[in-house]
Amino acid sequence: MAVQQQVIDGSYDDDGKPLRTGTLWSCVAHIITAVIGSGVLSLAWSTAQLGWIAGPISLLCFAIVTYVSAFLLSDCYRSPDPVTGTRNYSYMDAVRVNLGKTQTWFCGLLQYFSMFGTGIAYVITTATSMKAIQKSNCYHREGHRAPCSYEDTYFMLLFGFVQIVVSQIPNFHNMEWLSVIAAIMSFTYSFIGFGLGFAKVIENGRIKGSITGVPAANLADKLWLAFEALGDIAFAYPYSLILLEIQDTLKSSPPENKTMKKGSMIAIFVTTFFYLCCGCFGYAAFGNNTPGNLLTGFGFYEPYWLIDFANACIVLHLVGGYQIYSQPVFAFVEGWFGNKYPRSRFVNKFYTMKLPFSPPLQVNILRLCSRTAYVAATTAIAMTFPYFNQILGVLGALNFWPLAIYFPVEMYFVQKKIGPWTRKWIVLRTFSFVCLLVSIVGLIGSIEGLISAKFG
C-alpha cells in the first residue's frame, strides 16, 4: 500500500524507487562519456595499420554493430514485455531473467573484469596525457629535439588519489553533472585532434598513407598489427556493459527502451563522426609515422598551449569516464555485502560529512574501504603494464563479442521467442559468429603486441 501511495503521489516510480528523471539528452551525455574515451586517441594508429580502405570501413562496421547491440539490449531493460514488464536494473539482472543462473555467472565475471580493465586503461591514458603536458611545455622551451622525458608513476598516483575522492559519489543517479562535464571535454579534445590533423594535412599539401597501411617487415608482423588495430577499434565503441545502468536513470514516459534507442542512435552518429575525423585526418597527416596516441605521441608540437588544453580535457573527461565504468562494480560489491550482513554497522551505517562548497556527503565505512581498494588495484596494475595500444586492444577484444554481441542476441531470442532456423535466427547467428571471429583475431594480435612490448 505504501509503494502504491508513493506512485500515486508522483514522487516514486512503479518499483517503489525515487522517481527517475533522466531524459534523452542526459542519456546521450552518459553514452558519449562512456564511448568517447581513451579509445578515440588510438584510432589514427588503427587506421594507419589497416590502410585507407579497411580502416574507415572497419570504423563504420563497428558503429553499425554497436547500434544493433544497443537496439537488442535496450529491449531487455524490462521483462517479459519491453514496455510494461519488470525492470532489470543491470546487465546481470537481464541475463539472469532471460538466460538463467549459469550464464549470469559467466556474464558477471566478464562484465566486472572488463570494467576493471577499463579503469586500468583510463589510469594509463590519464597519466600519458598529464606527462604529455609536461613534455609539450619542455619542447616549447628547449626545442623539439630536447631530451624531455618524464615518468608515468607520479601522475598515476595523483589520478588514483583524485578517484578515491570522486568514488564516494553514491551512484549513477548522482552523476548527471559529472557526465555532462565529461561529455563536453570529450567533444573538445576530439575536435582538437581532428582540427590539428586537418591543419597538418593542409600544411603538408598532400594526404599521406596508402591503401594497405603501414608496411611491416613480413606478413606475420603486418597481421599482428592489423589484428591489434581491430582490438583497439573494438575498445573504442561498445558500451553494452553499462547500457542498462544508463537506461535505469531514464524516466518512464516515453518508454525507456524508445528513449534509449533514440539516444544510442544520436550518440553513435556523433561519436562515429568524430572517430572518422580523428582516425582519417590523423593518418592523412602522418602516414606511416602515425603515433599510437594522437595527442600524446608528438606528431604535433605547436601550438603547444592547444596540445596542453586538449590533454587537460582528456584528464577531466577520464575522471568522469572512470566513474561511469566503476559505479556498477561498486553497486554490486556494496549490494552483496548489504544482503549478506544486513545488521553490520560497518556495512550499513552512514555518517554525514560536510565539506566546504559542497552539499553534505553521506560516508559509509564499507564504501570508503572497498572503493579505495578498487582504485588502488587499478592504479597498481596500470603502473605495471603502462602500454596504451596493447592494453586497449586486449580489453576491446575480450569485451566485444561476449558482452556486446553474444548476450544481447541470446536475450533477444528469448524475449521475442525466436525459433531455431528461422530467417531472423540465421541472420543473428551469422552476425554473432562473424563478430566472434573479429574478437578472436583482435585478442590474438593484442596479446602478441603486449608480450612484445613487455619482453621484446
Protein backbone atom coordinates (compact mmCIF):
# COMPACT_ATOMS: atom_id res chain seq x y z
CA MET A 1 0.00 0.00 0.00
CA ALA A 2 2.83 2.38 0.86
CA VAL A 3 4.50 1.85 -2.51
CA GLN A 4 1.19 2.31 -4.33
CA GLN A 5 0.59 5.58 -2.46
CA GLN A 6 4.10 6.79 -3.34
CA VAL A 7 3.47 6.04 -7.03
CA ILE A 8 0.14 7.89 -6.89
CA ASP A 9 1.86 10.88 -5.27
CA GLY A 10 4.25 11.00 -8.22
CA SER A 11 7.41 11.03 -6.12
CA TYR A 12 8.30 7.38 -6.75
CA ASP A 13 8.40 5.06 -9.76
CA ASP A 14 6.42 1.86 -10.30
CA ASP A 15 9.08 -0.17 -8.47
CA GLY A 16 8.94 1.97 -5.32
CA LYS A 17 12.26 3.72 -6.02
CA PRO A 18 12.63 7.51 -6.22
CA LEU A 19 11.26 8.95 -9.44
CA ARG A 20 13.74 8.66 -12.29
CA THR A 21 14.27 11.97 -14.09
CA GLY A 22 16.73 11.08 -16.89
CA THR A 23 15.95 12.47 -20.35
CA LEU A 24 17.10 11.81 -23.91
CA TRP A 25 19.90 14.34 -23.53
CA SER A 26 21.17 13.03 -20.20
CA CYS A 27 21.14 9.58 -21.85
CA VAL A 28 23.21 10.91 -24.77
CA ALA A 29 25.63 12.58 -22.32
CA HIS A 30 26.12 9.33 -20.38
CA ILE A 31 26.71 7.34 -23.60
CA ILE A 32 29.17 9.85 -25.05
CA THR A 33 31.03 9.95 -21.72
CA ALA A 34 31.26 6.15 -21.83
CA VAL A 35 32.10 5.78 -25.53
CA ILE A 36 34.40 8.68 -26.40
CA GLY A 37 37.20 7.81 -24.04
CA SER A 38 40.80 6.84 -24.39
CA GLY A 39 39.88 4.70 -27.39
CA VAL A 40 39.48 7.69 -29.71
CA LEU A 41 43.16 8.57 -29.29
CA SER A 42 44.30 5.26 -30.83
CA LEU A 43 42.09 5.41 -33.92
CA ALA A 44 44.57 7.24 -36.15
CA TRP A 45 47.13 4.50 -35.38
CA SER A 46 44.50 1.81 -36.03
CA THR A 47 43.56 3.39 -39.37
CA ALA A 48 47.27 3.53 -40.26
CA GLN A 49 47.67 -0.21 -39.66
CA LEU A 50 44.61 -1.10 -41.76
CA GLY A 51 45.01 1.41 -44.60
CA TRP A 52 42.68 3.77 -46.43
CA ILE A 53 40.06 1.18 -47.37
CA ALA A 54 39.94 -1.26 -44.45
CA GLY A 55 40.43 1.46 -41.79
CA PRO A 56 37.35 3.67 -42.44
CA ILE A 57 35.22 0.63 -43.34
CA SER A 58 36.15 -1.00 -40.02
CA LEU A 59 35.12 2.13 -38.10
CA LEU A 60 31.73 2.22 -39.88
CA CYS A 61 31.16 -1.51 -39.38
CA PHE A 62 31.86 -1.28 -35.64
CA ALA A 63 29.45 1.67 -35.42
CA ILE A 64 26.68 -0.39 -37.05
CA VAL A 65 27.40 -3.40 -34.84
CA THR A 66 27.34 -1.19 -31.73
CA TYR A 67 23.93 0.22 -32.64
CA VAL A 68 22.50 -3.24 -33.36
CA SER A 69 23.80 -4.39 -29.97
CA ALA A 70 22.28 -1.36 -28.21
CA PHE A 71 18.97 -1.86 -30.05
CA LEU A 72 18.72 -5.50 -28.94
CA LEU A 73 19.83 -4.83 -25.37
CA SER A 74 17.57 -1.82 -24.70
CA ASP A 75 14.51 -4.09 -25.00
CA CYS A 76 15.89 -6.23 -22.17
CA TYR A 77 15.52 -3.49 -19.53
CA ARG A 78 12.00 -4.76 -18.78
CA SER A 79 10.91 -8.40 -18.86
CA PRO A 80 8.94 -10.07 -20.27
CA ASP A 81 7.40 -7.04 -22.00
CA PRO A 82 9.92 -4.32 -23.02
CA VAL A 83 7.49 -1.51 -22.10
CA THR A 84 5.43 -2.70 -19.12
CA GLY A 85 7.46 -5.60 -17.70
CA THR A 86 9.54 -5.81 -14.53
CA ARG A 87 12.70 -3.68 -14.52
CA ASN A 88 16.16 -5.23 -14.82
CA TYR A 89 18.45 -2.74 -13.12
CA SER A 90 21.70 -4.05 -14.58
CA TYR A 91 23.14 -6.18 -17.37
CA MET A 92 23.46 -9.12 -15.00
CA ASP A 93 19.82 -8.82 -13.91
CA ALA A 94 18.72 -9.05 -17.54
CA VAL A 95 20.92 -12.10 -18.18
CA ARG A 96 19.63 -13.79 -15.00
CA VAL A 97 15.99 -13.31 -16.00
CA ASN A 98 16.42 -14.34 -19.63
CA LEU A 99 19.25 -16.88 -19.68
CA GLY A 100 19.50 -18.40 -16.20
CA LYS A 101 21.98 -18.61 -13.34
CA THR A 102 24.93 -20.33 -15.09
CA GLN A 103 25.19 -17.75 -17.85
CA THR A 104 24.74 -14.99 -15.27
CA TRP A 105 27.94 -16.05 -13.51
CA PHE A 106 29.82 -16.10 -16.81
CA CYS A 107 28.40 -12.69 -17.75
CA GLY A 108 29.22 -11.17 -14.36
CA LEU A 109 32.80 -12.41 -14.48
CA LEU A 110 33.34 -10.87 -17.93
CA GLN A 111 31.48 -7.67 -17.16
CA TYR A 112 33.29 -6.77 -13.97
CA PHE A 113 36.65 -7.84 -15.39
CA SER A 114 36.00 -5.58 -18.36
CA MET A 115 35.02 -2.63 -16.17
CA PHE A 116 38.08 -3.17 -14.02
CA GLY A 117 40.24 -3.32 -17.14
CA THR A 118 38.72 -0.13 -18.48
CA GLY A 119 39.66 1.56 -15.21
CA ILE A 120 43.26 0.41 -15.76
CA ALA A 121 43.21 1.80 -19.31
CA TYR A 122 41.90 5.13 -18.06
CA VAL A 123 44.67 5.38 -15.45
CA ILE A 124 47.27 4.75 -18.18
CA THR A 125 45.67 7.27 -20.55
CA THR A 126 45.36 9.98 -17.92
CA ALA A 127 48.99 9.61 -16.86
CA THR A 128 50.08 9.69 -20.51
CA SER A 129 48.14 12.92 -21.09
CA MET A 130 49.48 14.57 -17.93
CA LYS A 131 53.02 13.60 -18.95
CA ALA A 132 52.35 14.98 -22.45
CA ILE A 133 51.53 18.40 -20.98
CA GLN A 134 54.93 18.50 -19.30
CA LYS A 135 56.69 17.30 -22.45
CA SER A 136 54.86 19.82 -24.62
CA ASN A 137 56.00 22.70 -22.42
CA CYS A 138 59.54 21.31 -22.36
CA TYR A 139 59.68 21.03 -26.16
CA HIS A 140 58.34 24.57 -26.48
CA ARG A 141 61.06 25.93 -24.20
CA GLU A 142 64.03 23.84 -25.31
CA GLY A 143 63.25 22.73 -28.87
CA HIS A 144 61.75 19.63 -30.44
CA ARG A 145 64.94 17.60 -30.13
CA ALA A 146 65.36 18.20 -26.40
CA PRO A 147 65.53 15.05 -24.17
CA CYS A 148 62.20 15.72 -22.47
CA SER A 149 61.29 12.51 -20.65
CA TYR A 150 59.16 12.07 -17.55
CA GLU A 151 57.89 9.13 -15.50
CA ASP A 152 54.24 7.99 -15.51
CA THR A 153 54.19 6.80 -11.90
CA TYR A 154 53.63 10.13 -10.17
CA PHE A 155 50.72 11.01 -12.45
CA MET A 156 49.08 7.61 -11.99
CA LEU A 157 49.25 8.03 -8.22
CA LEU A 158 47.80 11.53 -8.49
CA PHE A 159 44.90 10.32 -10.64
CA GLY A 160 44.31 7.45 -8.22
CA PHE A 161 44.06 9.89 -5.31
CA VAL A 162 41.51 12.00 -7.19
CA GLN A 163 39.46 8.89 -7.99
CA ILE A 164 39.43 7.82 -4.35
CA VAL A 165 37.70 11.12 -3.55
CA VAL A 166 35.35 11.13 -6.56
CA SER A 167 34.44 7.47 -5.98
CA GLN A 168 32.49 8.50 -2.89
CA ILE A 169 29.70 9.76 -5.18
CA PRO A 170 26.93 7.33 -4.18
CA ASN A 171 25.67 6.08 -7.58
CA PHE A 172 24.76 6.79 -11.21
CA HIS A 173 21.76 8.92 -10.25
CA ASN A 174 24.07 11.46 -8.59
CA MET A 175 26.43 11.67 -11.57
CA GLU A 176 24.49 13.54 -14.27
CA TRP A 177 26.53 16.73 -13.75
CA LEU A 178 29.80 14.77 -13.97
CA SER A 179 28.72 13.07 -17.20
CA VAL A 180 27.76 16.40 -18.78
CA ILE A 181 31.18 17.89 -17.96
CA ALA A 182 32.93 14.75 -19.19
CA ALA A 183 30.93 14.71 -22.45
CA ILE A 184 31.85 18.35 -23.12
CA MET A 185 35.52 17.53 -22.51
CA SER A 186 35.37 14.53 -24.88
CA PHE A 187 33.87 16.69 -27.64
CA THR A 188 36.56 19.29 -27.05
CA TYR A 189 39.63 17.09 -27.29
CA SER A 190 38.18 15.02 -30.15
CA PHE A 191 37.55 18.22 -32.10
CA ILE A 192 41.08 19.46 -31.32
CA GLY A 193 42.57 16.16 -32.52
CA PHE A 194 40.52 16.41 -35.73
CA GLY A 195 41.45 20.09 -36.19
CA LEU A 196 45.16 19.53 -35.68
CA GLY A 197 45.13 16.61 -38.11
CA PHE A 198 43.27 18.67 -40.72
CA ALA A 199 45.69 21.59 -40.28
CA LYS A 200 48.66 19.23 -40.65
CA VAL A 201 47.24 17.87 -43.93
CA ILE A 202 46.89 21.44 -45.24
CA GLU A 203 50.44 22.22 -44.11
CA ASN A 204 51.80 19.10 -45.82
CA GLY A 205 49.91 19.90 -49.01
CA ARG A 206 49.05 16.23 -49.55
CA ILE A 207 47.29 13.25 -47.99
CA LYS A 208 49.73 10.70 -46.62
CA GLY A 209 49.15 6.97 -46.24
CA SER A 210 48.32 4.11 -48.57
CA ILE A 211 45.61 1.58 -49.32
CA THR A 212 47.47 -1.19 -47.48
CA GLY A 213 48.55 0.89 -44.46
CA VAL A 214 51.89 0.95 -42.67
CA PRO A 215 54.34 -1.58 -44.19
CA ALA A 216 55.79 -4.28 -41.93
CA ALA A 217 58.92 -6.43 -42.06
CA ASN A 218 56.89 -9.51 -43.00
CA LEU A 219 53.33 -10.73 -43.45
CA ALA A 220 53.08 -12.10 -39.88
CA ASP A 221 54.02 -8.75 -38.33
CA LYS A 222 51.50 -7.00 -40.59
CA LEU A 223 48.75 -9.36 -39.49
CA TRP A 224 49.59 -8.94 -35.77
CA LEU A 225 49.38 -5.14 -36.10
CA ALA A 226 46.16 -5.29 -38.14
CA PHE A 227 44.59 -7.61 -35.56
CA GLU A 228 45.69 -5.29 -32.74
CA ALA A 229 44.15 -2.36 -34.61
CA LEU A 230 40.81 -4.21 -34.74
CA GLY A 231 41.07 -4.76 -30.98
CA ASP A 232 41.67 -1.03 -30.45
CA ILE A 233 38.61 -0.13 -32.54
CA ALA A 234 36.56 -2.71 -30.64
CA PHE A 235 37.56 -1.00 -27.39
CA ALA A 236 36.55 2.42 -28.71
CA TYR A 237 32.90 1.63 -29.49
CA PRO A 238 30.72 -0.71 -27.42
CA TYR A 239 29.12 0.41 -24.16
CA SER A 240 26.78 -2.58 -23.74
CA LEU A 241 28.07 -3.49 -20.28
CA ILE A 242 26.68 -0.26 -18.80
CA LEU A 243 23.75 0.35 -21.17
CA LEU A 244 21.07 -0.94 -18.80
CA GLU A 245 22.52 1.05 -15.89
CA ILE A 246 22.19 4.18 -18.04
CA GLN A 247 18.67 3.16 -19.10
CA ASP A 248 17.73 2.77 -15.43
CA THR A 249 18.21 6.54 -14.97
CA LEU A 250 15.53 7.41 -17.58
CA LYS A 251 12.00 8.49 -16.76
CA SER A 252 9.34 6.02 -17.88
CA SER A 253 7.41 8.31 -20.23
CA PRO A 254 8.14 7.91 -23.10
CA PRO A 255 9.07 4.23 -22.59
CA GLU A 256 12.70 3.80 -21.56
CA ASN A 257 13.57 1.49 -24.46
CA LYS A 258 12.42 4.06 -27.03
CA THR A 259 14.45 6.82 -25.38
CA MET A 260 17.47 4.53 -25.15
CA LYS A 261 17.30 3.56 -28.83
CA LYS A 262 17.00 7.17 -29.91
CA GLY A 263 19.78 8.26 -27.55
CA SER A 264 22.01 5.45 -28.83
CA MET A 265 21.43 6.48 -32.44
CA ILE A 266 22.30 10.12 -31.72
CA ALA A 267 25.34 9.28 -29.60
CA ILE A 268 26.73 6.68 -32.05
CA PHE A 269 26.24 9.04 -35.00
CA VAL A 270 28.12 11.82 -33.17
CA THR A 271 30.93 9.56 -31.96
CA THR A 272 31.36 7.94 -35.39
CA PHE A 273 31.74 11.38 -36.97
CA PHE A 274 34.50 12.27 -34.52
CA TYR A 275 36.09 8.84 -34.82
CA LEU A 276 36.29 9.07 -38.60
CA CYS A 277 37.65 12.62 -38.39
CA CYS A 278 40.32 11.75 -35.81
CA GLY A 279 41.24 8.43 -37.41
CA CYS A 280 41.33 9.55 -41.03
CA PHE A 281 42.83 13.01 -40.61
CA GLY A 282 45.39 11.68 -38.15
CA TYR A 283 46.51 9.09 -40.69
CA ALA A 284 46.37 11.59 -43.56
CA ALA A 285 48.61 13.94 -41.56
CA PHE A 286 51.33 11.48 -40.51
CA GLY A 287 51.07 8.45 -42.79
CA ASN A 288 53.47 5.69 -41.74
CA ASN A 289 54.62 7.77 -38.75
CA THR A 290 51.17 8.00 -37.15
CA PRO A 291 51.63 7.88 -33.35
CA GLY A 292 49.88 5.34 -31.15
CA ASN A 293 48.17 8.15 -29.22
CA LEU A 294 47.15 11.06 -31.44
CA LEU A 295 47.50 13.80 -28.81
CA THR A 296 50.43 12.47 -26.79
CA GLY A 297 52.62 10.89 -29.48
CA PHE A 298 54.02 14.28 -30.52
CA GLY A 299 53.24 14.29 -34.16
CA PHE A 300 52.01 17.77 -33.15
CA TYR A 301 54.29 20.18 -31.27
CA GLU A 302 52.61 23.53 -31.85
CA PRO A 303 50.60 25.38 -30.79
CA TYR A 304 51.83 23.91 -27.54
CA TRP A 305 49.09 25.59 -25.48
CA LEU A 306 46.41 23.84 -27.59
CA ILE A 307 48.12 20.46 -27.05
CA ASP A 308 48.16 21.22 -23.31
CA PHE A 309 44.48 22.19 -23.34
CA ALA A 310 43.46 19.05 -25.27
CA ASN A 311 45.31 16.80 -22.84
CA ALA A 312 43.80 18.65 -19.87
CA CYS A 313 40.36 17.94 -21.38
CA ILE A 314 41.28 14.25 -21.67
CA VAL A 315 42.20 14.19 -17.98
CA LEU A 316 38.94 15.87 -16.92
CA HIS A 317 36.91 13.58 -19.14
CA LEU A 318 38.51 10.43 -17.80
CA VAL A 319 37.82 11.48 -14.22
CA GLY A 320 34.13 11.09 -15.15
CA GLY A 321 34.67 8.17 -17.52
CA TYR A 322 36.41 6.15 -14.80
CA GLN A 323 33.35 6.59 -12.59
CA ILE A 324 30.91 5.61 -15.35
CA TYR A 325 32.64 2.22 -15.59
CA SER A 326 33.33 1.81 -11.86
CA GLN A 327 29.94 2.62 -10.33
CA PRO A 328 28.30 -0.70 -11.42
CA VAL A 329 31.15 -2.59 -9.73
CA PHE A 330 30.74 -0.52 -6.57
CA ALA A 331 26.97 -1.13 -6.57
CA PHE A 332 27.45 -4.89 -6.93
CA VAL A 333 30.01 -5.17 -4.10
CA GLU A 334 28.02 -2.98 -1.70
CA GLY A 335 24.73 -4.71 -2.57
CA TRP A 336 26.25 -8.15 -1.94
CA PHE A 337 27.67 -7.13 1.45
CA GLY A 338 24.41 -5.38 2.35
CA ASN A 339 22.39 -8.54 1.72
CA LYS A 340 24.96 -10.80 3.40
CA TYR A 341 25.38 -8.69 6.55
CA PRO A 342 22.18 -6.65 6.98
CA ARG A 343 22.88 -5.85 10.66
CA SER A 344 26.53 -4.85 10.33
CA ARG A 345 27.25 -1.20 11.20
CA PHE A 346 30.43 -1.41 9.10
CA VAL A 347 28.29 -2.26 6.06
CA ASN A 348 25.11 -0.25 6.60
CA LYS A 349 25.87 2.69 8.90
CA PHE A 350 26.19 6.10 7.19
CA TYR A 351 27.85 9.21 8.58
CA THR A 352 27.23 12.75 7.36
CA MET A 353 30.30 14.76 6.37
CA LYS A 354 30.16 18.45 5.42
CA LEU A 355 32.84 19.65 3.03
CA PRO A 356 33.41 23.30 2.03
CA PHE A 357 31.44 24.47 -1.03
CA SER A 358 29.59 21.19 -1.42
CA PRO A 359 26.37 19.54 -0.18
CA PRO A 360 26.57 17.15 2.79
CA LEU A 361 28.21 13.82 1.89
CA GLN A 362 26.95 10.51 3.25
CA VAL A 363 30.04 8.42 4.14
CA ASN A 364 29.93 4.68 4.70
CA ILE A 365 32.96 2.74 6.01
CA LEU A 366 32.44 -0.20 3.62
CA ARG A 367 32.10 2.21 0.70
CA LEU A 368 35.23 4.09 1.71
CA CYS A 369 37.34 0.93 2.14
CA SER A 370 36.10 -1.08 -0.86
CA ARG A 371 36.22 1.78 -3.33
CA THR A 372 39.65 2.87 -2.14
CA ALA A 373 40.94 -0.70 -2.57
CA TYR A 374 39.44 -0.89 -6.08
CA VAL A 375 41.08 2.37 -7.19
CA ALA A 376 44.40 1.29 -5.65
CA ALA A 377 44.28 -2.02 -7.55
CA THR A 378 43.60 -0.41 -10.96
CA THR A 379 46.39 2.10 -10.32
CA ALA A 380 48.91 -0.57 -9.29
CA ILE A 381 48.24 -2.73 -12.37
CA ALA A 382 48.44 0.31 -14.67
CA MET A 383 51.86 1.09 -13.21
CA THR A 384 52.95 -2.49 -14.01
CA PHE A 385 51.63 -2.56 -17.62
CA PRO A 386 51.68 1.02 -18.97
CA TYR A 387 51.20 0.02 -22.63
CA PHE A 388 48.44 2.10 -24.18
CA ASN A 389 47.56 0.49 -27.54
CA GLN A 390 48.13 -3.10 -26.41
CA ILE A 391 46.00 -2.79 -23.25
CA LEU A 392 43.17 -1.18 -25.24
CA GLY A 393 43.33 -3.96 -27.81
CA VAL A 394 43.18 -6.77 -25.23
CA LEU A 395 40.26 -5.15 -23.39
CA GLY A 396 38.40 -4.34 -26.60
CA ALA A 397 38.70 -7.88 -27.95
CA LEU A 398 37.69 -9.51 -24.65
CA ASN A 399 34.75 -7.15 -24.31
CA PHE A 400 33.45 -7.14 -27.83
CA TRP A 401 31.87 -10.46 -28.67
CA PRO A 402 30.58 -11.87 -25.37
CA LEU A 403 29.18 -8.66 -23.86
CA ALA A 404 28.29 -6.60 -26.93
CA ILE A 405 27.07 -9.43 -29.18
CA TYR A 406 26.51 -12.87 -27.64
CA PHE A 407 24.38 -12.00 -24.60
CA PRO A 408 22.22 -9.33 -26.33
CA VAL A 409 21.50 -11.74 -29.22
CA GLU A 410 20.68 -14.65 -26.90
CA MET A 411 18.39 -12.50 -24.73
CA TYR A 412 16.67 -11.16 -27.85
CA PHE A 413 15.90 -14.74 -28.92
CA VAL A 414 14.28 -15.41 -25.53
CA GLN A 415 12.40 -12.09 -25.35
CA LYS A 416 10.95 -12.36 -28.86
CA LYS A 417 10.57 -16.17 -28.76
CA ILE A 418 12.52 -16.64 -32.00
CA GLY A 419 12.69 -20.29 -33.01
CA PRO A 420 15.77 -22.09 -34.41
CA TRP A 421 16.45 -21.93 -38.16
CA THR A 422 14.02 -19.11 -38.82
CA ARG A 423 15.30 -16.33 -41.07
CA LYS A 424 15.91 -13.93 -38.17
CA TRP A 425 17.63 -16.67 -36.15
CA ILE A 426 20.02 -17.48 -39.03
CA VAL A 427 20.84 -13.80 -39.65
CA LEU A 428 21.60 -13.08 -36.00
CA ARG A 429 23.58 -16.32 -35.55
CA THR A 430 25.71 -15.42 -38.59
CA PHE A 431 26.15 -11.89 -37.26
CA SER A 432 27.28 -13.28 -33.89
CA PHE A 433 29.73 -15.75 -35.48
CA VAL A 434 31.41 -13.09 -37.64
CA CYS A 435 31.81 -10.84 -34.59
CA LEU A 436 33.31 -13.79 -32.67
CA LEU A 437 35.98 -14.21 -35.36
CA VAL A 438 36.81 -10.49 -35.22
CA SER A 439 37.07 -10.67 -31.43
CA ILE A 440 39.40 -13.68 -31.57
CA VAL A 441 41.83 -12.17 -34.09
CA GLY A 442 41.81 -8.86 -32.18
CA LEU A 443 42.65 -10.65 -28.94
CA ILE A 444 45.46 -12.68 -30.53
CA GLY A 445 47.07 -9.61 -32.10
CA SER A 446 46.79 -7.51 -28.93
CA ILE A 447 48.25 -10.21 -26.66
CA GLU A 448 51.15 -10.65 -29.07
CA GLY A 449 51.71 -6.87 -29.01
CA LEU A 450 51.55 -6.78 -25.20
CA ILE A 451 54.10 -9.61 -24.89
CA SER A 452 56.42 -7.89 -27.37
CA ALA A 453 56.11 -4.54 -25.55
CA LYS A 454 56.78 -6.11 -22.13
CA PHE A 455 59.51 -8.58 -23.00
CA GLY A 456 60.62 -7.73 -26.53
